[in-house]
N, C-alpha and C. Protein backbone atom coordinates (compact mmCIF):
# COMPACT_ATOMS: atom_id res chain seq x y z
N MET A 1 0.84 -1.17 0.00
CA MET A 1 0.00 0.00 0.00
C MET A 1 0.89 1.24 0.00
N ASP A 2 0.58 2.20 -0.84
CA ASP A 2 1.40 3.40 -0.93
C ASP A 2 0.88 4.49 0.00
N ALA A 3 1.58 5.63 0.01
CA ALA A 3 1.22 6.74 0.91
C ALA A 3 -0.17 7.28 0.62
N MET A 4 -0.63 7.22 -0.63
CA MET A 4 -1.94 7.75 -0.97
C MET A 4 -3.06 6.91 -0.38
N THR A 5 -2.83 5.62 -0.14
CA THR A 5 -3.88 4.79 0.42
C THR A 5 -3.79 4.69 1.93
N SER A 6 -2.77 5.28 2.51
CA SER A 6 -2.64 5.26 3.95
C SER A 6 -3.73 6.12 4.57
N PRO A 7 -4.47 5.58 5.55
CA PRO A 7 -5.54 6.38 6.15
C PRO A 7 -5.01 7.64 6.81
N ALA A 8 -3.74 7.61 7.24
CA ALA A 8 -3.17 8.75 7.93
C ALA A 8 -2.75 9.87 6.96
N ALA A 9 -2.64 9.55 5.67
CA ALA A 9 -2.25 10.57 4.69
C ALA A 9 -3.30 11.68 4.71
N ASP A 10 -2.83 12.92 4.76
CA ASP A 10 -3.71 14.07 4.91
C ASP A 10 -4.62 14.24 3.70
N THR A 11 -5.90 14.44 3.95
CA THR A 11 -6.85 14.68 2.87
C THR A 11 -7.28 16.14 2.81
N SER A 12 -6.89 16.94 3.79
CA SER A 12 -7.40 18.32 3.87
C SER A 12 -6.96 19.20 2.72
N GLU A 13 -5.91 18.83 2.02
CA GLU A 13 -5.42 19.64 0.90
C GLU A 13 -5.95 19.16 -0.44
N LEU A 14 -6.72 18.07 -0.44
CA LEU A 14 -7.21 17.53 -1.70
C LEU A 14 -8.38 18.34 -2.24
N SER A 15 -8.40 18.52 -3.55
CA SER A 15 -9.57 19.13 -4.18
C SER A 15 -10.70 18.10 -4.17
N TYR A 16 -11.90 18.55 -4.48
CA TYR A 16 -13.02 17.62 -4.55
C TYR A 16 -12.73 16.51 -5.57
N GLU A 17 -12.24 16.91 -6.73
CA GLU A 17 -11.98 15.94 -7.79
C GLU A 17 -10.90 14.94 -7.41
N GLN A 18 -9.85 15.41 -6.73
CA GLN A 18 -8.79 14.50 -6.30
C GLN A 18 -9.34 13.49 -5.28
N ALA A 19 -10.10 13.98 -4.31
CA ALA A 19 -10.66 13.09 -3.28
C ALA A 19 -11.63 12.10 -3.91
N ARG A 20 -12.47 12.58 -4.81
CA ARG A 20 -13.45 11.70 -5.47
C ARG A 20 -12.76 10.62 -6.28
N ASP A 21 -11.74 11.01 -7.07
CA ASP A 21 -11.05 10.04 -7.90
C ASP A 21 -10.32 8.99 -7.06
N GLU A 22 -9.69 9.43 -5.98
CA GLU A 22 -9.01 8.47 -5.11
C GLU A 22 -10.02 7.56 -4.41
N LEU A 23 -11.16 8.12 -4.03
CA LEU A 23 -12.21 7.31 -3.39
C LEU A 23 -12.71 6.23 -4.35
N ILE A 24 -12.87 6.59 -5.60
CA ILE A 24 -13.29 5.61 -6.61
C ILE A 24 -12.26 4.49 -6.71
N ARG A 25 -10.98 4.88 -6.72
CA ARG A 25 -9.91 3.88 -6.80
C ARG A 25 -9.92 2.96 -5.58
N VAL A 26 -10.11 3.54 -4.40
CA VAL A 26 -10.15 2.76 -3.16
C VAL A 26 -11.32 1.77 -3.20
N VAL A 27 -12.48 2.24 -3.61
CA VAL A 27 -13.66 1.36 -3.69
C VAL A 27 -13.41 0.23 -4.68
N ASN A 28 -12.84 0.56 -5.83
CA ASN A 28 -12.54 -0.49 -6.82
C ASN A 28 -11.59 -1.54 -6.26
N GLU A 29 -10.59 -1.07 -5.53
CA GLU A 29 -9.63 -2.01 -4.93
C GLU A 29 -10.30 -2.89 -3.88
N LEU A 30 -11.17 -2.29 -3.08
CA LEU A 30 -11.89 -3.09 -2.08
C LEU A 30 -12.82 -4.10 -2.75
N GLU A 31 -13.46 -3.70 -3.83
CA GLU A 31 -14.39 -4.60 -4.52
C GLU A 31 -13.67 -5.78 -5.15
N GLN A 32 -12.39 -5.62 -5.51
CA GLN A 32 -11.64 -6.74 -6.08
C GLN A 32 -11.45 -7.86 -5.07
N GLY A 33 -11.40 -7.50 -3.78
CA GLY A 33 -11.30 -8.50 -2.73
C GLY A 33 -9.98 -9.22 -2.65
N SER A 34 -8.94 -8.68 -3.26
CA SER A 34 -7.66 -9.38 -3.26
C SER A 34 -6.71 -8.89 -2.17
N SER A 35 -7.15 -7.94 -1.37
CA SER A 35 -6.31 -7.40 -0.29
C SER A 35 -6.42 -8.27 0.95
N THR A 36 -5.39 -8.18 1.78
CA THR A 36 -5.46 -8.85 3.08
C THR A 36 -6.46 -8.12 3.96
N LEU A 37 -6.80 -8.70 5.07
CA LEU A 37 -7.73 -8.06 5.99
C LEU A 37 -7.17 -6.72 6.46
N GLU A 38 -5.89 -6.70 6.81
CA GLU A 38 -5.27 -5.46 7.28
C GLU A 38 -5.28 -4.39 6.19
N GLN A 39 -4.97 -4.78 4.97
CA GLN A 39 -4.99 -3.83 3.85
C GLN A 39 -6.41 -3.33 3.59
N SER A 40 -7.37 -4.23 3.68
CA SER A 40 -8.77 -3.85 3.47
C SER A 40 -9.24 -2.85 4.53
N LEU A 41 -8.84 -3.08 5.76
CA LEU A 41 -9.21 -2.14 6.83
C LEU A 41 -8.59 -0.77 6.60
N ALA A 42 -7.32 -0.76 6.18
CA ALA A 42 -6.64 0.51 5.90
C ALA A 42 -7.31 1.22 4.72
N LEU A 43 -7.69 0.47 3.69
CA LEU A 43 -8.38 1.06 2.55
C LEU A 43 -9.74 1.62 2.98
N TRP A 44 -10.45 0.87 3.81
CA TRP A 44 -11.76 1.33 4.29
C TRP A 44 -11.60 2.65 5.05
N GLU A 45 -10.62 2.71 5.94
CA GLU A 45 -10.38 3.94 6.71
C GLU A 45 -10.04 5.09 5.79
N ARG A 46 -9.19 4.84 4.80
CA ARG A 46 -8.84 5.89 3.84
C ARG A 46 -10.09 6.34 3.08
N GLY A 47 -10.90 5.39 2.70
CA GLY A 47 -12.15 5.73 2.01
C GLY A 47 -13.06 6.60 2.86
N GLU A 48 -13.13 6.32 4.15
CA GLU A 48 -13.93 7.15 5.05
C GLU A 48 -13.41 8.57 5.10
N HIS A 49 -12.08 8.73 5.17
CA HIS A 49 -11.47 10.07 5.17
C HIS A 49 -11.78 10.80 3.86
N LEU A 50 -11.67 10.09 2.77
CA LEU A 50 -11.92 10.69 1.46
C LEU A 50 -13.38 11.08 1.30
N ALA A 51 -14.28 10.22 1.77
CA ALA A 51 -15.71 10.53 1.67
C ALA A 51 -16.04 11.77 2.50
N ARG A 52 -15.44 11.89 3.68
CA ARG A 52 -15.66 13.09 4.50
C ARG A 52 -15.16 14.34 3.79
N ARG A 53 -14.01 14.22 3.12
CA ARG A 53 -13.45 15.37 2.39
C ARG A 53 -14.39 15.79 1.26
N CYS A 54 -14.91 14.81 0.54
CA CYS A 54 -15.87 15.12 -0.54
C CYS A 54 -17.11 15.80 0.04
N GLU A 55 -17.59 15.29 1.16
CA GLU A 55 -18.77 15.88 1.79
C GLU A 55 -18.50 17.32 2.23
N GLU A 56 -17.30 17.58 2.76
CA GLU A 56 -16.95 18.96 3.14
C GLU A 56 -17.02 19.89 1.93
N TRP A 57 -16.48 19.42 0.80
CA TRP A 57 -16.52 20.24 -0.41
C TRP A 57 -17.96 20.49 -0.85
N LEU A 58 -18.79 19.45 -0.81
CA LEU A 58 -20.18 19.60 -1.26
C LEU A 58 -20.97 20.52 -0.34
N ILE A 59 -20.74 20.41 0.97
CA ILE A 59 -21.41 21.30 1.92
C ILE A 59 -20.98 22.75 1.67
N GLY A 60 -19.68 22.95 1.44
CA GLY A 60 -19.16 24.28 1.14
C GLY A 60 -19.75 24.85 -0.15
N ALA A 61 -19.87 24.00 -1.16
CA ALA A 61 -20.44 24.45 -2.44
C ALA A 61 -21.90 24.84 -2.26
N LYS A 62 -22.64 24.06 -1.48
CA LYS A 62 -24.05 24.38 -1.23
C LYS A 62 -24.17 25.71 -0.48
N ALA A 63 -23.30 25.93 0.50
CA ALA A 63 -23.33 27.18 1.25
C ALA A 63 -23.06 28.37 0.33
N ARG A 64 -22.10 28.21 -0.58
CA ARG A 64 -21.80 29.29 -1.53
C ARG A 64 -22.98 29.56 -2.45
N LEU A 65 -23.64 28.50 -2.92
CA LEU A 65 -24.81 28.69 -3.78
C LEU A 65 -25.94 29.37 -3.02
N ASP A 66 -26.16 28.94 -1.79
CA ASP A 66 -27.20 29.56 -0.97
C ASP A 66 -26.91 31.04 -0.74
N ALA A 67 -25.65 31.36 -0.47
CA ALA A 67 -25.26 32.76 -0.25
C ALA A 67 -25.45 33.57 -1.53
N ALA A 68 -25.11 33.00 -2.67
CA ALA A 68 -25.27 33.71 -3.95
C ALA A 68 -26.75 33.95 -4.24
N ARG A 69 -27.58 32.95 -3.96
CA ARG A 69 -29.02 33.12 -4.17
C ARG A 69 -29.58 34.20 -3.26
N LEU A 70 -29.13 34.20 -2.02
CA LEU A 70 -29.58 35.20 -1.05
C LEU A 70 -29.15 36.59 -1.49
N ALA A 71 -27.92 36.71 -1.95
CA ALA A 71 -27.40 38.01 -2.41
C ALA A 71 -28.16 38.48 -3.65
N ALA A 72 -28.56 37.55 -4.49
CA ALA A 72 -29.28 37.91 -5.71
C ALA A 72 -30.69 38.42 -5.41
N THR A 73 -31.28 37.93 -4.34
CA THR A 73 -32.64 38.36 -3.99
C THR A 73 -32.64 39.53 -3.01
N ALA A 74 -31.56 39.75 -2.28
CA ALA A 74 -31.51 40.81 -1.28
C ALA A 74 -31.68 42.20 -1.87
N PRO A 75 -31.01 42.57 -2.96
CA PRO A 75 -31.19 43.93 -3.49
C PRO A 75 -32.63 44.20 -3.91
N ALA A 76 -33.33 43.21 -4.42
CA ALA A 76 -34.73 43.40 -4.81
C ALA A 76 -35.57 43.69 -3.59
N SER A 77 -35.35 43.02 -2.48
CA SER A 77 -36.11 43.28 -1.27
C SER A 77 -35.79 44.66 -0.70
N GLU A 78 -34.50 45.04 -0.77
CA GLU A 78 -34.12 46.36 -0.25
C GLU A 78 -34.72 47.47 -1.09
N ASP A 79 -34.77 47.30 -2.43
CA ASP A 79 -35.37 48.29 -3.30
C ASP A 79 -36.84 48.45 -2.99
N THR A 80 -37.53 47.36 -2.71
CA THR A 80 -38.95 47.41 -2.39
C THR A 80 -39.14 48.15 -1.07
N ALA A 81 -38.26 47.91 -0.10
CA ALA A 81 -38.39 48.54 1.21
C ALA A 81 -38.14 50.04 1.12
N THR A 82 -37.21 50.48 0.28
CA THR A 82 -36.89 51.90 0.18
C THR A 82 -37.91 52.64 -0.67
N ALA A 83 -38.66 51.93 -1.49
CA ALA A 83 -39.66 52.58 -2.34
C ALA A 83 -40.90 52.95 -1.55
N ARG A 84 -41.07 52.41 -0.36
CA ARG A 84 -42.27 52.69 0.43
C ARG A 84 -42.23 54.00 1.07
């Protein structure tokens, strides 16, 4: 197992795409079933870290979209309030 599959390898610097692609690779390797129990556990742990990283990116993206939507509707509400 290389450093990229080590559960301890840092995932905080990975982009969404990097984490997703590595997660796909980890899942494929687990599905092959050719790893030892210890290797499978390490892959599973790495997959959990990668899945959390992907989720962080998706939550952040949703927050940015929500903020953009709010900003897009806020000026219209303020204009209505000042017109009264």
